[in-house]
Amino acid sequence: EGYTHRIGGLEKDYTTGAISTDAANHQKMVNVRQAKVDKIADFIPQ
């Protein structure tokens, strides 16, 4: 309750989460998804 949302396979706007086909936004989301995985190196054993 109170957390209604929609997610799926289409690209999302970085700020709103709504479906987006904007070129700059897609580049940003590509970078964010990669950065999220890269940052996991801070949380795993050496």
PDB file of all heavy atoms in Angstrom:
ATOM      1  N   GLU A   1       0.825  -1.206   0.000  1.00  0.00           N
ATOM      2  CA  GLU A   1       0.000   0.000   0.000  1.00  0.00           C
ATOM      3  C   GLU A   1       0.861   1.259   0.000  1.00  0.00           C
ATOM      4  O   GLU A   1       1.805   1.394   0.789  1.00  0.00           O
ATOM      5  CB  GLU A   1      -0.927   0.006   1.219  1.00  0.00           C
ATOM      6  CG  GLU A   1      -1.916   1.166   1.219  1.00  0.00           C
ATOM      7  CD  GLU A   1      -2.905   1.096   2.377  1.00  0.00           C
ATOM      8  OE1 GLU A   1      -2.878   0.081   3.110  1.00  0.00           O
ATOM      9  OE2 GLU A   1      -3.691   2.040   2.536  1.00  0.00           O
ATOM     10  N   GLY A   2       0.544   2.157  -0.904  1.00  0.00           N
ATOM     11  CA  GLY A   2       1.270   3.412  -0.997  1.00  0.00           C
ATOM     12  C   GLY A   2       2.488   3.370  -1.896  1.00  0.00           C
ATOM     13  O   GLY A   2       3.171   4.386  -2.062  1.00  0.00           O
ATOM     14  N   TYR A   3       2.777   2.206  -2.467  1.00  0.00           N
ATOM     15  CA  TYR A   3       3.992   2.069  -3.289  1.00  0.00           C
ATOM     16  C   TYR A   3       3.653   1.529  -4.688  1.00  0.00           C
ATOM     17  O   TYR A   3       4.394   0.752  -5.264  1.00  0.00           O
ATOM     18  CB  TYR A   3       5.003   1.154  -2.606  1.00  0.00           C
ATOM     19  CG  TYR A   3       5.569   1.749  -1.336  1.00  0.00           C
ATOM     20  CD1 TYR A   3       4.945   1.531  -0.110  1.00  0.00           C
ATOM     21  CD2 TYR A   3       6.692   2.569  -1.375  1.00  0.00           C
ATOM     22  CE1 TYR A   3       5.444   2.085   1.055  1.00  0.00           C
ATOM     23  CE2 TYR A   3       7.205   3.137  -0.221  1.00  0.00           C
ATOM     24  CZ  TYR A   3       6.578   2.887   0.998  1.00  0.00           C
ATOM     25  OH  TYR A   3       7.082   3.443   2.140  1.00  0.00           O
ATOM     26  N   THR A   4       2.536   1.963  -5.218  1.00  0.00           N
ATOM     27  CA  THR A   4       2.152   1.540  -6.559  1.00  0.00           C
ATOM     28  C   THR A   4       3.189   2.020  -7.578  1.00  0.00           C
ATOM     29  O   THR A   4       3.616   3.168  -7.546  1.00  0.00           O
ATOM     30  CB  THR A   4       0.782   2.113  -6.919  1.00  0.00           C
ATOM     31  OG1 THR A   4      -0.182   1.667  -5.957  1.00  0.00           O
ATOM     32  CG2 THR A   4       0.346   1.653  -8.307  1.00  0.00           C
ATOM     33  N   HIS A   5       3.607   1.130  -8.467  1.00  0.00           N
ATOM     34  CA  HIS A   5       4.592   1.514  -9.472  1.00  0.00           C
ATOM     35  C   HIS A   5       4.543   0.517 -10.621  1.00  0.00           C
ATOM     36  O   HIS A   5       3.943  -0.548 -10.518  1.00  0.00           O
ATOM     37  CB  HIS A   5       6.005   1.552  -8.881  1.00  0.00           C
ATOM     38  CG  HIS A   5       6.518   0.223  -8.422  1.00  0.00           C
ATOM     39  ND1 HIS A   5       6.003  -0.457  -7.330  1.00  0.00           N
ATOM     40  CD2 HIS A   5       7.503  -0.583  -8.916  1.00  0.00           C
ATOM     41  CE1 HIS A   5       6.649  -1.594  -7.156  1.00  0.00           C
ATOM     42  NE2 HIS A   5       7.566  -1.708  -8.113  1.00  0.00           N
ATOM     43  N   ARG A   6       5.181   0.900 -11.717  1.00  0.00           N
ATOM     44  CA  ARG A   6       5.247   0.025 -12.875  1.00  0.00           C
ATOM     45  C   ARG A   6       6.706  -0.071 -13.327  1.00  0.00           C
ATOM     46  O   ARG A   6       7.384   0.958 -13.482  1.00  0.00           O
ATOM     47  CB  ARG A   6       4.392   0.570 -14.014  1.00  0.00           C
ATOM     48  CG  ARG A   6       4.433  -0.295 -15.281  1.00  0.00           C
ATOM     49  CD  ARG A   6       3.479   0.227 -16.337  1.00  0.00           C
ATOM     50  NE  ARG A   6       3.836   1.579 -16.770  1.00  0.00           N
ATOM     51  CZ  ARG A   6       3.124   2.284 -17.643  1.00  0.00           C
ATOM     52  NH1 ARG A   6       1.988   1.800 -18.129  1.00  0.00           N
ATOM     53  NH2 ARG A   6       3.508   3.503 -18.006  1.00  0.00           N
ATOM     54  N   ILE A   7       7.172  -1.296 -13.533  1.00  0.00           N
ATOM     55  CA  ILE A   7       8.497  -1.510 -14.100  1.00  0.00           C
ATOM     56  C   ILE A   7       8.369  -2.547 -15.212  1.00  0.00           C
ATOM     57  O   ILE A   7       7.373  -3.273 -15.289  1.00  0.00           O
ATOM     58  CB  ILE A   7       9.527  -1.993 -13.049  1.00  0.00           C
ATOM     59  CG1 ILE A   7       9.056  -3.286 -12.378  1.00  0.00           C
ATOM     60  CG2 ILE A   7       9.791  -0.915 -12.010  1.00  0.00           C
ATOM     61  CD1 ILE A   7      10.072  -3.874 -11.427  1.00  0.00           C
ATOM     62  N   GLY A   8       9.358  -2.626 -16.073  1.00  0.00           N
ATOM     63  CA  GLY A   8       9.290  -3.578 -17.176  1.00  0.00           C
ATOM     64  C   GLY A   8      10.529  -3.500 -18.032  1.00  0.00           C
ATOM     65  O   GLY A   8      11.582  -3.025 -17.602  1.00  0.00           O
ATOM     66  N   GLY A   9      10.402  -3.930 -19.276  1.00  0.00           N
ATOM     67  CA  GLY A   9      11.550  -4.038 -20.160  1.00  0.00           C
ATOM     68  C   GLY A   9      11.844  -2.806 -20.975  1.00  0.00           C
ATOM     69  O   GLY A   9      12.883  -2.745 -21.647  1.00  0.00           O
ATOM     70  N   LEU A  10      10.947  -1.819 -20.949  1.00  0.00           N
ATOM     71  CA  LEU A  10      11.192  -0.584 -21.686  1.00  0.00           C
ATOM     72  C   LEU A  10      12.055   0.367 -20.855  1.00  0.00           C
ATOM     73  O   LEU A  10      12.033   0.324 -19.619  1.00  0.00           O
ATOM     74  CB  LEU A  10       9.870   0.094 -22.049  1.00  0.00           C
ATOM     75  CG  LEU A  10       9.015  -0.657 -23.084  1.00  0.00           C
ATOM     76  CD1 LEU A  10       7.641  -0.017 -23.193  1.00  0.00           C
ATOM     77  CD2 LEU A  10       9.709  -0.671 -24.445  1.00  0.00           C
ATOM     78  N   GLU A  11      12.818   1.200 -21.552  1.00  0.00           N
ATOM     79  CA  GLU A  11      13.697   2.139 -20.858  1.00  0.00           C
ATOM     80  C   GLU A  11      12.892   3.122 -20.010  1.00  0.00           C
ATOM     81  O   GLU A  11      11.775   3.504 -20.383  1.00  0.00           O
ATOM     82  CB  GLU A  11      14.545   2.899 -21.886  1.00  0.00           C
ATOM     83  CG  GLU A  11      15.588   3.814 -21.278  1.00  0.00           C
ATOM     84  CD  GLU A  11      16.626   3.062 -20.450  1.00  0.00           C
ATOM     85  OE1 GLU A  11      16.331   2.731 -19.274  1.00  0.00           O
ATOM     86  OE2 GLU A  11      17.721   2.786 -20.991  1.00  0.00           O
ATOM     87  N   LYS A  12      13.449   3.502 -18.870  1.00  0.00           N
ATOM     88  CA  LYS A  12      12.776   4.400 -17.923  1.00  0.00           C
ATOM     89  C   LYS A  12      13.494   5.744 -17.841  1.00  0.00           C
ATOM     90  O   LYS A  12      14.710   5.830 -18.017  1.00  0.00           O
ATOM     91  CB  LYS A  12      12.775   3.782 -16.515  1.00  0.00           C
ATOM     92  CG  LYS A  12      12.475   2.298 -16.438  1.00  0.00           C
ATOM     93  CD  LYS A  12      11.064   1.973 -16.819  1.00  0.00           C
ATOM     94  CE  LYS A  12      10.785   0.483 -16.598  1.00  0.00           C
ATOM     95  NZ  LYS A  12      11.703  -0.402 -17.342  1.00  0.00           N
ATOM     96  N   ASP A  13      12.751   6.739 -17.519  1.00  0.00           N
ATOM     97  CA  ASP A  13      13.346   8.048 -17.238  1.00  0.00           C
ATOM     98  C   ASP A  13      14.082   7.972 -15.898  1.00  0.00           C
ATOM     99  O   ASP A  13      13.563   7.436 -14.915  1.00  0.00           O
ATOM    100  CB  ASP A  13      12.262   9.124 -17.168  1.00  0.00           C
ATOM    101  CG  ASP A  13      12.848  10.505 -16.930  1.00  0.00           C
ATOM    102  OD1 ASP A  13      13.294  11.125 -17.893  1.00  0.00           O
ATOM    103  OD2 ASP A  13      12.867  10.917 -15.755  1.00  0.00           O
ATOM    104  N   TYR A  14      15.285   8.520 -15.859  1.00  0.00           N
ATOM    105  CA  TYR A  14      16.122   8.434 -14.660  1.00  0.00           C
ATOM    106  C   TYR A  14      15.446   9.060 -13.448  1.00  0.00           C
ATOM    107  O   TYR A  14      15.549   8.539 -12.337  1.00  0.00           O
ATOM    108  CB  TYR A  14      17.464   9.124 -14.913  1.00  0.00           C
ATOM    109  CG  TYR A  14      18.354   9.157 -13.695  1.00  0.00           C
ATOM    110  CD1 TYR A  14      19.128   8.058 -13.349  1.00  0.00           C
ATOM    111  CD2 TYR A  14      18.402  10.285 -12.871  1.00  0.00           C
ATOM    112  CE1 TYR A  14      19.937   8.080 -12.213  1.00  0.00           C
ATOM    113  CE2 TYR A  14      19.201  10.327 -11.737  1.00  0.00           C
ATOM    114  CZ  TYR A  14      19.967   9.214 -11.417  1.00  0.00           C
ATOM    115  OH  TYR A  14      20.759   9.232 -10.298  1.00  0.00           O
ATOM    116  N   THR A  15      14.701  10.131 -13.663  1.00  0.00           N
ATOM    117  CA  THR A  15      14.126  10.875 -12.533  1.00  0.00           C
ATOM    118  C   THR A  15      12.745  10.372 -12.144  1.00  0.00           C
ATOM    119  O   THR A  15      12.456  10.138 -10.966  1.00  0.00           O
ATOM    120  CB  THR A  15      14.053  12.372 -12.873  1.00  0.00           C
ATOM    121  OG1 THR A  15      15.355  12.851 -13.194  1.00  0.00           O
ATOM    122  CG2 THR A  15      13.506  13.164 -11.691  1.00  0.00           C
ATOM    123  N   THR A  16      11.882  10.162 -13.143  1.00  0.00           N
ATOM    124  CA  THR A  16      10.484   9.854 -12.843  1.00  0.00           C
ATOM    125  C   THR A  16      10.175   8.357 -12.865  1.00  0.00           C
ATOM    126  O   THR A  16       9.197   7.920 -12.252  1.00  0.00           O
ATOM    127  CB  THR A  16       9.565  10.544 -13.856  1.00  0.00           C
ATOM    128  OG1 THR A  16       9.774   9.964 -15.162  1.00  0.00           O
ATOM    129  CG2 THR A  16       9.841  12.035 -13.907  1.00  0.00           C
ATOM    130  N   GLY A  17      10.945   7.583 -13.594  1.00  0.00           N
ATOM    131  CA  GLY A  17      10.646   6.162 -13.747  1.00  0.00           C
ATOM    132  C   GLY A  17       9.647   5.889 -14.851  1.00  0.00           C
ATOM    133  O   GLY A  17       9.301   4.733 -15.110  1.00  0.00           O
ATOM    134  N   ALA A  18       9.160   6.924 -15.511  1.00  0.00           N
ATOM    135  CA  ALA A  18       8.219   6.740 -16.617  1.00  0.00           C
ATOM    136  C   ALA A  18       8.968   6.266 -17.856  1.00  0.00           C
ATOM    137  O   ALA A  18      10.179   6.432 -17.983  1.00  0.00           O
ATOM    138  CB  ALA A  18       7.495   8.053 -16.920  1.00  0.00           C
ATOM    139  N   ILE A  19       8.248   5.636 -18.809  1.00  0.00           N
ATOM    140  CA  ILE A  19       8.860   5.161 -20.044  1.00  0.00           C
ATOM    141  C   ILE A  19       9.480   6.333 -20.801  1.00  0.00           C
ATOM    142  O   ILE A  19       8.879   7.401 -20.927  1.00  0.00           O
ATOM    143  CB  ILE A  19       7.817   4.436 -20.912  1.00  0.00           C
ATOM    144  CG1 ILE A  19       7.357   3.146 -20.213  1.00  0.00           C
ATOM    145  CG2 ILE A  19       8.382   4.116 -22.297  1.00  0.00           C
ATOM    146  CD1 ILE A  19       6.181   2.467 -20.886  1.00  0.00           C
ATOM    147  N   SER A  20      10.699   6.127 -21.311  1.00  0.00           N
ATOM    148  CA  SER A  20      11.404   7.203 -21.988  1.00  0.00           C
ATOM    149  C   SER A  20      12.156   6.659 -23.198  1.00  0.00           C
ATOM    150  O   SER A  20      12.774   5.589 -23.125  1.00  0.00           O
ATOM    151  CB  SER A  20      12.400   7.871 -21.041  1.00  0.00           C
ATOM    152  OG  SER A  20      13.246   8.781 -21.730  1.00  0.00           O
ATOM    153  N   THR A  21      12.097   7.417 -24.320  1.00  0.00           N
ATOM    154  CA  THR A  21      12.895   7.095 -25.507  1.00  0.00           C
ATOM    155  C   THR A  21      13.925   8.186 -25.774  1.00  0.00           C
ATOM    156  O   THR A  21      14.542   8.211 -26.850  1.00  0.00           O
ATOM    157  CB  THR A  21      11.989   6.930 -26.738  1.00  0.00           C
ATOM    158  OG1 THR A  21      11.241   8.136 -26.952  1.00  0.00           O
ATOM    159  CG2 THR A  21      11.041   5.755 -26.558  1.00  0.00           C
ATOM    160  N   ASP A  22      14.143   9.070 -24.822  1.00  0.00           N
ATOM    161  CA  ASP A  22      15.081  10.167 -24.977  1.00  0.00           C
ATOM    162  C   ASP A  22      16.513   9.641 -25.069  1.00  0.00           C
ATOM    163  O   ASP A  22      16.939   8.808 -24.256  1.00  0.00           O
ATOM    164  CB  ASP A  22      14.954  11.125 -23.792  1.00  0.00           C
ATOM    165  CG  ASP A  22      15.925  12.281 -23.890  1.00  0.00           C
ATOM    166  OD1 ASP A  22      15.710  13.167 -24.727  1.00  0.00           O
ATOM    167  OD2 ASP A  22      16.920  12.256 -23.136  1.00  0.00           O
ATOM    168  N   ALA A  23      17.277  10.118 -26.060  1.00  0.00           N
ATOM    169  CA  ALA A  23      18.627   9.602 -26.310  1.00  0.00           C
ATOM    170  C   ALA A  23      19.556   9.850 -25.130  1.00  0.00           C
ATOM    171  O   ALA A  23      20.299   8.949 -24.699  1.00  0.00           O
ATOM    172  CB  ALA A  23      19.195  10.246 -27.580  1.00  0.00           C
ATOM    173  N   ALA A  24      19.552  11.071 -24.616  1.00  0.00           N
ATOM    174  CA  ALA A  24      20.454  11.403 -23.512  1.00  0.00           C
ATOM    175  C   ALA A  24      20.112  10.598 -22.258  1.00  0.00           C
ATOM    176  O   ALA A  24      20.989  10.152 -21.517  1.00  0.00           O
ATOM    177  CB  ALA A  24      20.390  12.911 -23.228  1.00  0.00           C
ATOM    178  N   ASN A  25      18.822  10.431 -22.021  1.00  0.00           N
ATOM    179  CA  ASN A  25      18.397   9.639 -20.861  1.00  0.00           C
ATOM    180  C   ASN A  25      18.848   8.187 -20.991  1.00  0.00           C
ATOM    181  O   ASN A  25      19.300   7.568 -20.010  1.00  0.00           O
ATOM    182  CB  ASN A  25      16.881   9.701 -20.706  1.00  0.00           C
ATOM    183  CG  ASN A  25      16.397   8.839 -19.541  1.00  0.00           C
ATOM    184  OD1 ASN A  25      16.524   9.224 -18.382  1.00  0.00           O
ATOM    185  ND2 ASN A  25      15.855   7.664 -19.842  1.00  0.00           N
ATOM    186  N   HIS A  26      18.748   7.630 -22.214  1.00  0.00           N
ATOM    187  CA  HIS A  26      19.176   6.245 -22.411  1.00  0.00           C
ATOM    188  C   HIS A  26      20.666   6.090 -22.121  1.00  0.00           C
ATOM    189  O   HIS A  26      21.085   5.128 -21.455  1.00  0.00           O
ATOM    190  CB  HIS A  26      18.872   5.783 -23.835  1.00  0.00           C
ATOM    191  CG  HIS A  26      19.284   4.365 -24.106  1.00  0.00           C
ATOM    192  ND1 HIS A  26      18.880   3.296 -23.326  1.00  0.00           N
ATOM    193  CD2 HIS A  26      20.102   3.833 -25.058  1.00  0.00           C
ATOM    194  CE1 HIS A  26      19.406   2.180 -23.800  1.00  0.00           C
ATOM    195  NE2 HIS A  26      20.166   2.481 -24.843  1.00  0.00           N
ATOM    196  N   GLN A  27      21.459   7.047 -22.603  1.00  0.00           N
ATOM    197  CA  GLN A  27      22.900   6.993 -22.311  1.00  0.00           C
ATOM    198  C   GLN A  27      23.138   7.023 -20.798  1.00  0.00           C
ATOM    199  O   GLN A  27      23.973   6.282 -20.271  1.00  0.00           O
ATOM    200  CB  GLN A  27      23.605   8.173 -22.974  1.00  0.00           C
ATOM    201  CG  GLN A  27      25.113   8.227 -22.726  1.00  0.00           C
ATOM    202  CD  GLN A  27      25.853   7.093 -23.396  1.00  0.00           C
ATOM    203  OE1 GLN A  27      25.904   7.025 -24.612  1.00  0.00           O
ATOM    204  NE2 GLN A  27      26.419   6.186 -22.613  1.00  0.00           N
ATOM    205  N   LYS A  28      22.395   7.891 -20.112  1.00  0.00           N
ATOM    206  CA  LYS A  28      22.569   8.000 -18.665  1.00  0.00           C
ATOM    207  C   LYS A  28      22.193   6.701 -17.972  1.00  0.00           C
ATOM    208  O   LYS A  28      22.899   6.241 -17.066  1.00  0.00           O
ATOM    209  CB  LYS A  28      21.719   9.156 -18.126  1.00  0.00           C
ATOM    210  CG  LYS A  28      21.922   9.401 -16.638  1.00  0.00           C
ATOM    211  CD  LYS A  28      21.228  10.684 -16.185  1.00  0.00           C
ATOM    212  CE  LYS A  28      21.562  10.979 -14.726  1.00  0.00           C
ATOM    213  NZ  LYS A  28      20.970  12.265 -14.273  1.00  0.00           N
ATOM    214  N   MET A  29      21.101   6.081 -18.385  1.00  0.00           N
ATOM    215  CA  MET A  29      20.663   4.834 -17.754  1.00  0.00           C
ATOM    216  C   MET A  29      21.632   3.689 -18.031  1.00  0.00           C
ATOM    217  O   MET A  29      21.870   2.841 -17.171  1.00  0.00           O
ATOM    218  CB  MET A  29      19.257   4.479 -18.220  1.00  0.00           C
ATOM    219  CG  MET A  29      18.171   5.427 -17.720  1.00  0.00           C
ATOM    220  SD  MET A  29      18.083   5.523 -15.913  1.00  0.00           S
ATOM    221  CE  MET A  29      17.518   3.864 -15.507  1.00  0.00           C
ATOM    222  N   VAL A  30      22.188   3.656 -19.245  1.00  0.00           N
ATOM    223  CA  VAL A  30      23.210   2.655 -19.552  1.00  0.00           C
ATOM    224  C   VAL A  30      24.382   2.816 -18.595  1.00  0.00           C
ATOM    225  O   VAL A  30      24.898   1.843 -18.028  1.00  0.00           O
ATOM    226  CB  VAL A  30      23.678   2.777 -21.021  1.00  0.00           C
ATOM    227  CG1 VAL A  30      24.963   1.983 -21.258  1.00  0.00           C
ATOM    228  CG2 VAL A  30      22.589   2.291 -21.966  1.00  0.00           C
ATOM    229  N   ASN A  31      24.808   4.057 -18.376  1.00  0.00           N
ATOM    230  CA  ASN A  31      25.929   4.328 -17.470  1.00  0.00           C
ATOM    231  C   ASN A  31      25.589   3.977 -16.031  1.00  0.00           C
ATOM    232  O   ASN A  31      26.423   3.432 -15.290  1.00  0.00           O
ATOM    233  CB  ASN A  31      26.327   5.805 -17.560  1.00  0.00           C
ATOM    234  CG  ASN A  31      26.857   6.184 -18.936  1.00  0.00           C
ATOM    235  OD1 ASN A  31      27.216   5.314 -19.728  1.00  0.00           O
ATOM    236  ND2 ASN A  31      26.902   7.481 -19.225  1.00  0.00           N
ATOM    237  N   VAL A  32      24.370   4.279 -15.624  1.00  0.00           N
ATOM    238  CA  VAL A  32      23.956   4.016 -14.236  1.00  0.00           C
ATOM    239  C   VAL A  32      23.919   2.521 -13.957  1.00  0.00           C
ATOM    240  O   VAL A  32      24.387   2.059 -12.909  1.00  0.00           O
ATOM    241  CB  VAL A  32      22.583   4.667 -13.950  1.00  0.00           C
ATOM    242  CG1 VAL A  32      21.975   4.095 -12.677  1.00  0.00           C
ATOM    243  CG2 VAL A  32      22.730   6.177 -13.844  1.00  0.00           C
ATOM    244  N   ARG A  33      23.358   1.762 -14.871  1.00  0.00           N
ATOM    245  CA  ARG A  33      23.275   0.312 -14.653  1.00  0.00           C
ATOM    246  C   ARG A  33      24.670  -0.308 -14.561  1.00  0.00           C
ATOM    247  O   ARG A  33      24.896  -1.213 -13.755  1.00  0.00           O
ATOM    248  CB  ARG A  33      22.435  -0.343 -15.747  1.00  0.00           C
ATOM    249  CG  ARG A  33      20.939  -0.079 -15.608  1.00  0.00           C
ATOM    250  CD  ARG A  33      20.110  -0.895 -16.590  1.00  0.00           C
ATOM    251  NE  ARG A  33      20.225  -0.414 -17.953  1.00  0.00           N
ATOM    252  CZ  ARG A  33      19.408   0.473 -18.528  1.00  0.00           C
ATOM    253  NH1 ARG A  33      18.397   0.986 -17.837  1.00  0.00           N
ATOM    254  NH2 ARG A  33      19.576   0.841 -19.789  1.00  0.00           N
ATOM    255  N   GLN A  34      25.608   0.174 -15.369  1.00  0.00           N
ATOM    256  CA  GLN A  34      26.973  -0.322 -15.289  1.00  0.00           C
ATOM    257  C   GLN A  34      27.650   0.123 -13.992  1.00  0.00           C
ATOM    258  O   GLN A  34      28.325  -0.661 -13.324  1.00  0.00           O
ATOM    259  CB  GLN A  34      27.792   0.164 -16.487  1.00  0.00           C
ATOM    260  CG  GLN A  34      29.220  -0.384 -16.527  1.00  0.00           C
ATOM    261  CD  GLN A  34      29.263  -1.892 -16.683  1.00  0.00           C
ATOM    262  OE1 GLN A  34      28.772  -2.426 -17.665  1.00  0.00           O
ATOM    263  NE2 GLN A  34      29.848  -2.587 -15.705  1.00  0.00           N
ATOM    264  N   ALA A  35      27.443   1.383 -13.625  1.00  0.00           N
ATOM    265  CA  ALA A  35      28.060   1.906 -12.406  1.00  0.00           C
ATOM    266  C   ALA A  35      27.563   1.160 -11.171  1.00  0.00           C
ATOM    267  O   ALA A  35      28.325   0.915 -10.225  1.00  0.00           O
ATOM    268  CB  ALA A  35      27.770   3.402 -12.276  1.00  0.00           C
ATOM    269  N   LYS A  36      26.286   0.802 -11.190  1.00  0.00           N
ATOM    270  CA  LYS A  36      25.725   0.069 -10.047  1.00  0.00           C
ATOM    271  C   LYS A  36      26.440  -1.256  -9.848  1.00  0.00           C
ATOM    272  O   LYS A  36      26.767  -1.645  -8.710  1.00  0.00           O
ATOM    273  CB  LYS A  36      24.224  -0.162 -10.263  1.00  0.00           C
ATOM    274  CG  LYS A  36      23.541  -0.811  -9.082  1.00  0.00           C
ATOM    275  CD  LYS A  36      22.048  -0.957  -9.282  1.00  0.00           C
ATOM    276  CE  LYS A  36      21.700  -2.124 -10.164  1.00  0.00           C
ATOM    277  NZ  LYS A  36      20.249  -2.455 -10.107  1.00  0.00           N
ATOM    278  N   VAL A  37      26.708  -1.981 -10.943  1.00  0.00           N
ATOM    279  CA  VAL A  37      27.430  -3.246 -10.850  1.00  0.00           C
ATOM    280  C   VAL A  37      28.878  -3.005 -10.441  1.00  0.00           C
ATOM    281  O   VAL A  37      29.431  -3.718  -9.594  1.00  0.00           O
ATOM    282  CB  VAL A  37      27.351  -4.012 -12.184  1.00  0.00           C
ATOM    283  CG1 VAL A  37      28.277  -5.230 -12.165  1.00  0.00           C
ATOM    284  CG2 VAL A  37      25.916  -4.451 -12.463  1.00  0.00           C
ATOM    285  N   ASP A  38      29.514  -1.988 -11.024  1.00  0.00           N
ATOM    286  CA  ASP A  38      30.917  -1.699 -10.699  1.00  0.00           C
ATOM    287  C   ASP A  38      31.099  -1.389  -9.218  1.00  0.00           C
ATOM    288  O   ASP A  38      32.089  -1.794  -8.605  1.00  0.00           O
ATOM    289  CB  ASP A  38      31.423  -0.514 -11.532  1.00  0.00           C
ATOM    290  CG  ASP A  38      31.534  -0.848 -13.016  1.00  0.00           C
ATOM    291  OD1 ASP A  38      31.549  -2.060 -13.354  1.00  0.00           O
ATOM    292  OD2 ASP A  38      31.587   0.093 -13.838  1.00  0.00           O
ATOM    293  N   LYS A  39      30.132  -0.669  -8.626  1.00  0.00           N
ATOM    294  CA  LYS A  39      30.247  -0.265  -7.231  1.00  0.00           C
ATOM    295  C   LYS A  39      30.156  -1.445  -6.268  1.00  0.00           C
ATOM    296  O   LYS A  39      30.551  -1.346  -5.102  1.00  0.00           O
ATOM    297  CB  LYS A  39      29.176   0.777  -6.887  1.00  0.00           C
ATOM    298  CG  LYS A  39      29.464   2.167  -7.458  1.00  0.00           C
ATOM    299  CD  LYS A  39      28.360   3.148  -7.105  1.00  0.00           C
ATOM    300  CE  LYS A  39      28.656   4.529  -7.658  1.00  0.00           C
ATOM    301  NZ  LYS A  39      29.818   5.165  -7.013  1.00  0.00           N
ATOM    302  N   ILE A  40      29.641  -2.571  -6.746  1.00  0.00           N
ATOM    303  CA  ILE A  40      29.548  -3.754  -5.881  1.00  0.00           C
ATOM    304  C   ILE A  40      30.933  -4.228  -5.464  1.00  0.00           C
ATOM    305  O   ILE A  40      31.086  -4.892  -4.429  1.00  0.00           O
ATOM    306  CB  ILE A  40      28.751  -4.863  -6.609  1.00  0.00           C
ATOM    307  CG1 ILE A  40      27.286  -4.417  -6.763  1.00  0.00           C
ATOM    308  CG2 ILE A  40      28.816  -6.192  -5.868  1.00  0.00           C
ATOM    309  CD1 ILE A  40      26.452  -5.317  -7.641  1.00  0.00           C
ATOM    310  N   ALA A  41      31.964  -3.857  -6.224  1.00  0.00           N
ATOM    311  CA  ALA A  41      33.344  -4.209  -5.843  1.00  0.00           C
ATOM    312  C   ALA A  41      33.704  -3.669  -4.461  1.00  0.00           C
ATOM    313  O   ALA A  41      34.592  -4.216  -3.786  1.00  0.00           O
ATOM    314  CB  ALA A  41      34.325  -3.680  -6.885  1.00  0.00           C
ATOM    315  N   ASP A  42      33.023  -2.616  -4.018  1.00  0.00           N
ATOM    316  CA  ASP A  42      33.281  -2.061  -2.679  1.00  0.00           C
ATOM    317  C   ASP A  42      32.722  -2.944  -1.564  1.00  0.00           C
ATOM    318  O   ASP A  42      33.033  -2.722  -0.389  1.00  0.00           O
ATOM    319  CB  ASP A  42      32.656  -0.670  -2.552  1.00  0.00           C
ATOM    320  CG  ASP A  42      33.304   0.350  -3.469  1.00  0.00           C
ATOM    321  OD1 ASP A  42      34.480   0.157  -3.836  1.00  0.00           O
ATOM    322  OD2 ASP A  42      32.626   1.343  -3.830  1.00  0.00           O
ATOM    323  N   PHE A  43      31.903  -3.934  -1.920  1.00  0.00           N
ATOM    324  CA  PHE A  43      31.175  -4.695  -0.906  1.00  0.00           C
ATOM    325  C   PHE A  43      31.495  -6.196  -0.924  1.00  0.00           C
ATOM    326  O   PHE A  43      30.854  -6.956  -0.202  1.00  0.00           O
ATOM    327  CB  PHE A  43      29.665  -4.492  -1.103  1.00  0.00           C
ATOM    328  CG  PHE A  43      29.229  -3.069  -0.987  1.00  0.00           C
ATOM    329  CD1 PHE A  43      29.203  -2.232  -2.109  1.00  0.00           C
ATOM    330  CD2 PHE A  43      28.867  -2.532   0.235  1.00  0.00           C
ATOM    331  CE1 PHE A  43      28.801  -0.911  -2.011  1.00  0.00           C
ATOM    332  CE2 PHE A  43      28.462  -1.210   0.346  1.00  0.00           C
ATOM    333  CZ  PHE A  43      28.435  -0.384  -0.773  1.00  0.00           C
ATOM    334  N   ILE A  44      32.450  -6.608  -1.753  1.00  0.00           N
ATOM    335  CA  ILE A  44      32.820  -8.031  -1.815  1.00  0.00           C
ATOM    336  C   ILE A  44      34.244  -8.206  -1.313  1.00  0.00           C
ATOM    337  O   ILE A  44      35.020  -7.246  -1.260  1.00  0.00           O
ATOM    338  CB  ILE A  44      32.685  -8.581  -3.258  1.00  0.00           C
ATOM    339  CG1 ILE A  44      33.572  -7.798  -4.218  1.00  0.00           C
ATOM    340  CG2 ILE A  44      31.220  -8.549  -3.698  1.00  0.00           C
ATOM    341  CD1 ILE A  44      33.574  -8.339  -5.643  1.00  0.00           C
ATOM    342  N   PRO A  45      34.632  -9.423  -0.934  1.00  0.00           N
ATOM    343  CA  PRO A  45      35.986  -9.650  -0.393  1.00  0.00           C
ATOM    344  C   PRO A  45      37.069  -9.346  -1.412  1.00  0.00           C
ATOM    345  O   PRO A  45      36.884  -9.466  -2.625  1.00  0.00           O
ATOM    346  CB  PRO A  45      35.972 -11.141  -0.034  1.00  0.00           C
ATOM    347  CG  PRO A  45      34.527 -11.501   0.111  1.00  0.00           C
ATOM    348  CD  PRO A  45      33.793 -10.633  -0.862  1.00  0.00           C
ATOM    349  N   GLN A  46      38.250  -8.988  -0.897  1.00  0.00           N
ATOM    350  CA  GLN A  46      39.413  -8.757  -1.728  1.00  0.00           C
ATOM    351  C   GLN A  46      39.971 -10.093  -2.247  1.00  0.00           C
ATOM    352  O   GLN A  46      39.727 -11.153  -1.668  1.00  0.00           O
ATOM    353  CB  GLN A  46      40.502  -8.042  -0.924  1.00  0.00           C
ATOM    354  CG  GLN A  46      40.085  -6.679  -0.391  1.00  0.00           C
ATOM    355  CD  GLN A  46      40.435  -5.549  -1.334  1.00  0.00           C
ATOM    356  OE1 GLN A  46      40.060  -5.583  -2.502  1.00  0.00           O
ATOM    357  NE2 GLN A  46      41.135  -4.555  -0.836  1.00  0.00           N
TER     358      GLN A  46
END
